[in-house]
Each structure stands twice: as structure tokens, then as C-alpha cells.
């Protein structure tokens, strides 16, 4: 068994993801905020790329 010090040296995240969260994957939690964010993104203008040839 590896110790915490051994694992932290390997650049592996020390996070365990709970499998019960999979049931929330396709569920929209905040539809009002999602609608507002989509509206802002659709009307936002991106800056011109100065480095494009």
C-alpha cells in the first residue's frame, strides 16, 4: 500500500468522486442561470485576433 507521501509525489490527484453523483449528470440544476448565461454568450463579441496571418 502506498502512503500519502508516495502518492503526492506522483502528481495524481487525491480526490475520490462519489458514484452517486452520476444521477445528476443530465439534470439541469439552475435553468434560469443557464438561460441567462446562454443569452450572454450568444450576444458577446470576441476580440479580433491580432496575431492571425
PDB file of N, CA and C in Angstrom:
ATOM      1  N   UNK A   1       0.845  -1.182   0.000  1.00  0.00           N
ATOM      2  CA  UNK A   1       0.000   0.000   0.000  1.00  0.00           C
ATOM      3  C   UNK A   1       0.882   1.234   0.000  1.00  0.00           C
ATOM      4  N   UNK A   2       0.515   2.202  -0.820  1.00  0.00           N
ATOM      5  CA  UNK A   2       1.287   3.432  -0.910  1.00  0.00           C
ATOM      6  C   UNK A   2       0.854   4.393   0.191  1.00  0.00           C
ATOM      7  N   UNK A   3       1.802   5.148   0.667  1.00  0.00           N
ATOM      8  CA  UNK A   3       1.491   6.155   1.668  1.00  0.00           C
ATOM      9  C   UNK A   3       1.077   7.446   0.972  1.00  0.00           C
ATOM     10  N   UNK A   4       0.546   8.374   1.722  1.00  0.00           N
ATOM     11  CA  UNK A   4       0.109   9.651   1.167  1.00  0.00           C
ATOM     12  C   UNK A   4       1.302  10.400   0.577  1.00  0.00           C
ATOM     13  N   UNK A   5       2.445  10.311   1.209  1.00  0.00           N
ATOM     14  CA  UNK A   5       3.633  10.991   0.699  1.00  0.00           C
ATOM     15  C   UNK A   5       4.059  10.414  -0.645  1.00  0.00           C
ATOM     16  N   UNK A   6       3.969   9.099  -0.808  1.00  0.00           N
ATOM     17  CA  UNK A   6       4.319   8.477  -2.085  1.00  0.00           C
ATOM     18  C   UNK A   6       3.357   8.907  -3.183  1.00  0.00           C
ATOM     19  N   UNK A   7       2.090   8.969  -2.872  1.00  0.00           N
ATOM     20  CA  UNK A   7       1.085   9.348  -3.865  1.00  0.00           C
ATOM     21  C   UNK A   7       1.235  10.817  -4.242  1.00  0.00           C
ATOM     22  N   UNK A   8       1.520  11.682  -3.292  1.00  0.00           N
ATOM     23  CA  UNK A   8       1.610  13.111  -3.588  1.00  0.00           C
ATOM     24  C   UNK A   8       2.816  13.427  -4.467  1.00  0.00           C
ATOM     25  N   UNK A   9       3.813  12.577  -4.499  1.00  0.00           N
ATOM     26  CA  UNK A   9       4.980  12.784  -5.354  1.00  0.00           C
ATOM     27  C   UNK A   9       4.701  12.391  -6.798  1.00  0.00           C
ATOM     28  N   UNK A  10       3.611  11.700  -7.063  1.00  0.00           N
ATOM     29  CA  UNK A  10       3.332  11.170  -8.386  1.00  0.00           C
ATOM     30  C   UNK A  10       2.420  12.058  -9.226  1.00  0.00           C
ATOM     31  N   UNK A  11       2.052  13.221  -8.770  1.00  0.00           N
ATOM     32  CA  UNK A  11       1.159  14.141  -9.489  1.00  0.00           C
ATOM     33  C   UNK A  11      -0.190  13.512  -9.803  1.00  0.00           C
ATOM     34  N   UNK A  12      -0.692  12.695  -8.926  1.00  0.00           N
ATOM     35  CA  UNK A  12      -2.017  12.093  -9.061  1.00  0.00           C
ATOM     36  C   UNK A  12      -2.941  12.810  -8.084  1.00  0.00           C
ATOM     37  N   UNK A  13      -4.090  13.285  -8.544  1.00  0.00           N
ATOM     38  CA  UNK A  13      -4.994  13.970  -7.619  1.00  0.00           C
ATOM     39  C   UNK A  13      -5.515  13.033  -6.535  1.00  0.00           C
ATOM     40  N   UNK A  14      -5.622  13.546  -5.338  1.00  0.00           N
ATOM     41  CA  UNK A  14      -6.099  12.762  -4.202  1.00  0.00           C
ATOM     42  C   UNK A  14      -7.588  13.024  -3.991  1.00  0.00           C
ATOM     43  N   UNK A  15      -8.381  12.744  -5.021  1.00  0.00           N
ATOM     44  CA  UNK A  15      -9.811  13.015  -4.975  1.00  0.00           C
ATOM     45  C   UNK A  15     -10.558  11.746  -5.333  1.00  0.00           C
ATOM     46  N   UNK A  16     -11.549  11.411  -4.540  1.00  0.00           N
ATOM     47  CA  UNK A  16     -12.421  10.278  -4.846  1.00  0.00           C
ATOM     48  C   UNK A  16     -13.784  10.837  -5.227  1.00  0.00           C
ATOM     49  N   UNK A  17     -14.238  10.506  -6.433  1.00  0.00           N
ATOM     50  CA  UNK A  17     -15.520  11.010  -6.920  1.00  0.00           C
ATOM     51  C   UNK A  17     -16.611  10.018  -6.555  1.00  0.00           C
ATOM     52  N   UNK A  18     -17.645  10.532  -5.929  1.00  0.00           N
ATOM     53  CA  UNK A  18     -18.760   9.700  -5.485  1.00  0.00           C
ATOM     54  C   UNK A  18     -19.599   9.273  -6.688  1.00  0.00           C
ATOM     55  N   UNK A  19     -19.814   7.988  -6.850  1.00  0.00           N
ATOM     56  CA  UNK A  19     -20.560   7.445  -7.990  1.00  0.00           C
ATOM     57  C   UNK A  19     -22.039   7.817  -7.944  1.00  0.00           C
ATOM     58  N   UNK A  20     -22.554   8.182  -6.799  1.00  0.00           N
ATOM     59  CA  UNK A  20     -23.968   8.542  -6.704  1.00  0.00           C
ATOM     60  C   UNK A  20     -24.266   9.882  -7.387  1.00  0.00           C
ATOM     61  N   UNK A  21     -23.232  10.636  -7.744  1.00  0.00           N
ATOM     62  CA  UNK A  21     -23.433  11.905  -8.441  1.00  0.00           C
ATOM     63  C   UNK A  21     -23.769  11.709  -9.914  1.00  0.00           C
ATOM     64  N   UNK A  22     -23.600  10.501 -10.435  1.00  0.00           N
ATOM     65  CA  UNK A  22     -23.911  10.230 -11.837  1.00  0.00           C
ATOM     66  C   UNK A  22     -25.381  10.469 -12.153  1.00  0.00           C
ATOM     67  N   UNK A  23     -26.247  10.325 -11.179  1.00  0.00           N
ATOM     68  CA  UNK A  23     -27.677  10.536 -11.432  1.00  0.00           C
ATOM     69  C   UNK A  23     -27.984  12.007 -11.716  1.00  0.00           C
ATOM     70  N   UNK A  24     -27.091  12.918 -11.357  1.00  0.00           N
ATOM     71  CA  UNK A  24     -27.290  14.345 -11.583  1.00  0.00           C
ATOM     72  C   UNK A  24     -26.625  14.837 -12.866  1.00  0.00           C
ATOM     73  N   UNK A  25     -25.991  13.945 -13.611  1.00  0.00           N
ATOM     74  CA  UNK A  25     -25.214  14.332 -14.785  1.00  0.00           C
ATOM     75  C   UNK A  25     -26.056  15.073 -15.826  1.00  0.00           C
ATOM     76  N   UNK A  26     -27.220  14.582 -16.172  1.00  0.00           N
ATOM     77  CA  UNK A  26     -28.045  15.164 -17.223  1.00  0.00           C
ATOM     78  C   UNK A  26     -29.143  16.084 -16.694  1.00  0.00           C
ATOM     79  N   UNK A  27     -29.146  16.346 -15.411  1.00  0.00           N
ATOM     80  CA  UNK A  27     -30.180  17.176 -14.807  1.00  0.00           C
ATOM     81  C   UNK A  27     -29.705  18.631 -14.750  1.00  0.00           C
ATOM     82  N   UNK A  28     -30.547  19.553 -15.216  1.00  0.00           N
ATOM     83  CA  UNK A  28     -30.220  20.978 -15.164  1.00  0.00           C
ATOM     84  C   UNK A  28     -30.657  21.505 -13.803  1.00  0.00           C
ATOM     85  N   UNK A  29     -29.690  21.960 -13.022  1.00  0.00           N
ATOM     86  CA  UNK A  29     -29.966  22.371 -11.651  1.00  0.00           C
ATOM     87  C   UNK A  29     -30.513  23.802 -11.566  1.00  0.00           C
ATOM     88  N   UNK A  30     -30.013  24.708 -12.388  1.00  0.00           N
ATOM     89  CA  UNK A  30     -30.409  26.112 -12.329  1.00  0.00           C
ATOM     90  C   UNK A  30     -30.791  26.582 -13.730  1.00  0.00           C
ATOM     91  N   UNK A  31     -32.009  26.300 -14.180  1.00  0.00           N
ATOM     92  CA  UNK A  31     -32.382  26.642 -15.561  1.00  0.00           C
ATOM     93  C   UNK A  31     -32.386  28.146 -15.835  1.00  0.00           C
ATOM     94  N   UNK A  32     -32.709  28.965 -14.845  1.00  0.00           N
ATOM     95  CA  UNK A  32     -32.725  30.408 -15.057  1.00  0.00           C
ATOM     96  C   UNK A  32     -31.313  30.931 -15.314  1.00  0.00           C
ATOM     97  N   UNK A  33     -30.363  30.459 -14.525  1.00  0.00           N
ATOM     98  CA  UNK A  33     -28.979  30.898 -14.698  1.00  0.00           C
ATOM     99  C   UNK A  33     -28.409  30.379 -16.013  1.00  0.00           C
ATOM    100  N   UNK A  34     -28.783  29.169 -16.398  1.00  0.00           N
ATOM    101  CA  UNK A  34     -28.326  28.611 -17.664  1.00  0.00           C
ATOM    102  C   UNK A  34     -28.853  29.429 -18.833  1.00  0.00           C
ATOM    103  N   UNK A  35     -30.116  29.813 -18.771  1.00  0.00           N
ATOM    104  CA  UNK A  35     -30.711  30.627 -19.832  1.00  0.00           C
ATOM    105  C   UNK A  35     -30.018  31.986 -19.931  1.00  0.00           C
ATOM    106  N   UNK A  36     -29.742  32.600 -18.786  1.00  0.00           N
ATOM    107  CA  UNK A  36     -29.073  33.898 -18.773  1.00  0.00           C
ATOM    108  C   UNK A  36     -27.649  33.786 -19.328  1.00  0.00           C
ATOM    109  N   UNK A  37     -26.935  32.742 -18.937  1.00  0.00           N
ATOM    110  CA  UNK A  37     -25.566  32.548 -19.420  1.00  0.00           C
ATOM    111  C   UNK A  37     -25.545  32.305 -20.924  1.00  0.00           C
ATOM    112  N   UNK A  38     -26.481  31.526 -21.428  1.00  0.00           N
ATOM    113  CA  UNK A  38     -26.545  31.274 -22.866  1.00  0.00           C
ATOM    114  C   UNK A  38     -26.856  32.551 -23.635  1.00  0.00           C
ATOM    115  N   UNK A  39     -27.707  33.403 -23.075  1.00  0.00           N
ATOM    116  CA  UNK A  39     -28.040  34.670 -23.725  1.00  0.00           C
ATOM    117  C   UNK A  39     -26.817  35.577 -23.777  1.00  0.00           C
ATOM    118  N   UNK A  40     -26.083  35.649 -22.679  1.00  0.00           N
ATOM    119  CA  UNK A  40     -24.881  36.483 -22.636  1.00  0.00           C
ATOM    120  C   UNK A  40     -23.846  35.967 -23.631  1.00  0.00           C
ATOM    121  N   UNK A  41     -23.672  34.660 -23.693  1.00  0.00           N
ATOM    122  CA  UNK A  41     -22.692  34.093 -24.611  1.00  0.00           C
ATOM    123  C   UNK A  41     -23.087  34.291 -26.066  1.00  0.00           C
ATOM    124  N   UNK A  42     -24.373  34.271 -26.350  1.00  0.00           N
ATOM    125  CA  UNK A  42     -24.803  34.429 -27.737  1.00  0.00           C
ATOM    126  C   UNK A  42     -24.650  35.864 -28.224  1.00  0.00           C
ATOM    127  N   UNK A  43     -24.702  36.826 -27.317  1.00  0.00           N
ATOM    128  CA  UNK A  43     -24.583  38.227 -27.721  1.00  0.00           C
ATOM    129  C   UNK A  43     -23.186  38.787 -27.497  1.00  0.00           C
ATOM    130  N   UNK A  44     -22.297  38.028 -26.887  1.00  0.00           N
ATOM    131  CA  UNK A  44     -20.946  38.517 -26.605  1.00  0.00           C
ATOM    132  C   UNK A  44     -20.130  38.562 -27.890  1.00  0.00           C
ATOM    133  N   UNK A  45     -19.329  39.601 -28.011  1.00  0.00           N
ATOM    134  CA  UNK A  45     -18.442  39.728 -29.162  1.00  0.00           C
ATOM    135  C   UNK A  45     -17.023  39.423 -28.707  1.00  0.00           C
ATOM    136  N   UNK A  46     -16.356  38.586 -29.468  1.00  0.00           N
ATOM    137  CA  UNK A  46     -14.984  38.231 -29.151  1.00  0.00           C
ATOM    138  C   UNK A  46     -14.041  39.276 -29.737  1.00  0.00           C
ATOM    139  N   UNK A  47     -12.928  39.539 -29.071  1.00  0.00           N
ATOM    140  CA  UNK A  47     -11.970  40.499 -29.624  1.00  0.00           C
ATOM    141  C   UNK A  47     -11.321  39.935 -30.887  1.00  0.00           C
ATOM    142  N   UNK A  48     -10.918  40.834 -31.781  1.00  0.00           N
ATOM    143  CA  UNK A  48     -10.263  40.395 -33.004  1.00  0.00           C
ATOM    144  C   UNK A  48      -8.898  39.825 -32.668  1.00  0.00           C
ATOM    145  N   UNK A  49      -8.519  38.787 -33.393  1.00  0.00           N
ATOM    146  CA  UNK A  49      -7.234  38.141 -33.179  1.00  0.00           C
ATOM    147  C   UNK A  49      -6.167  38.946 -33.910  1.00  0.00           C
ATOM    148  N   UNK A  50      -5.282  39.595 -33.186  1.00  0.00           N
ATOM    149  CA  UNK A  50      -4.255  40.445 -33.786  1.00  0.00           C
ATOM    150  C   UNK A  50      -3.112  39.639 -34.391  1.00  0.00           C
ATOM    151  N   UNK A  51      -2.939  38.406 -33.959  1.00  0.00           N
ATOM    152  CA  UNK A  51      -1.805  37.604 -34.400  1.00  0.00           C
ATOM    153  C   UNK A  51      -2.148  36.687 -35.559  1.00  0.00           C
ATOM    154  N   UNK A  52      -3.306  36.819 -36.108  1.00  0.00           N
ATOM    155  CA  UNK A  52      -3.710  35.953 -37.211  1.00  0.00           C
ATOM    156  C   UNK A  52      -3.116  36.468 -38.514  1.00  0.00           C
ATOM    157  N   UNK A  53      -2.621  35.565 -39.334  1.00  0.00           N
ATOM    158  CA  UNK A  53      -1.999  35.948 -40.613  1.00  0.00           C
ATOM    159  C   UNK A  53      -3.023  36.155 -41.681  1.00  0.00           C
TER     160      UNK A  53
END
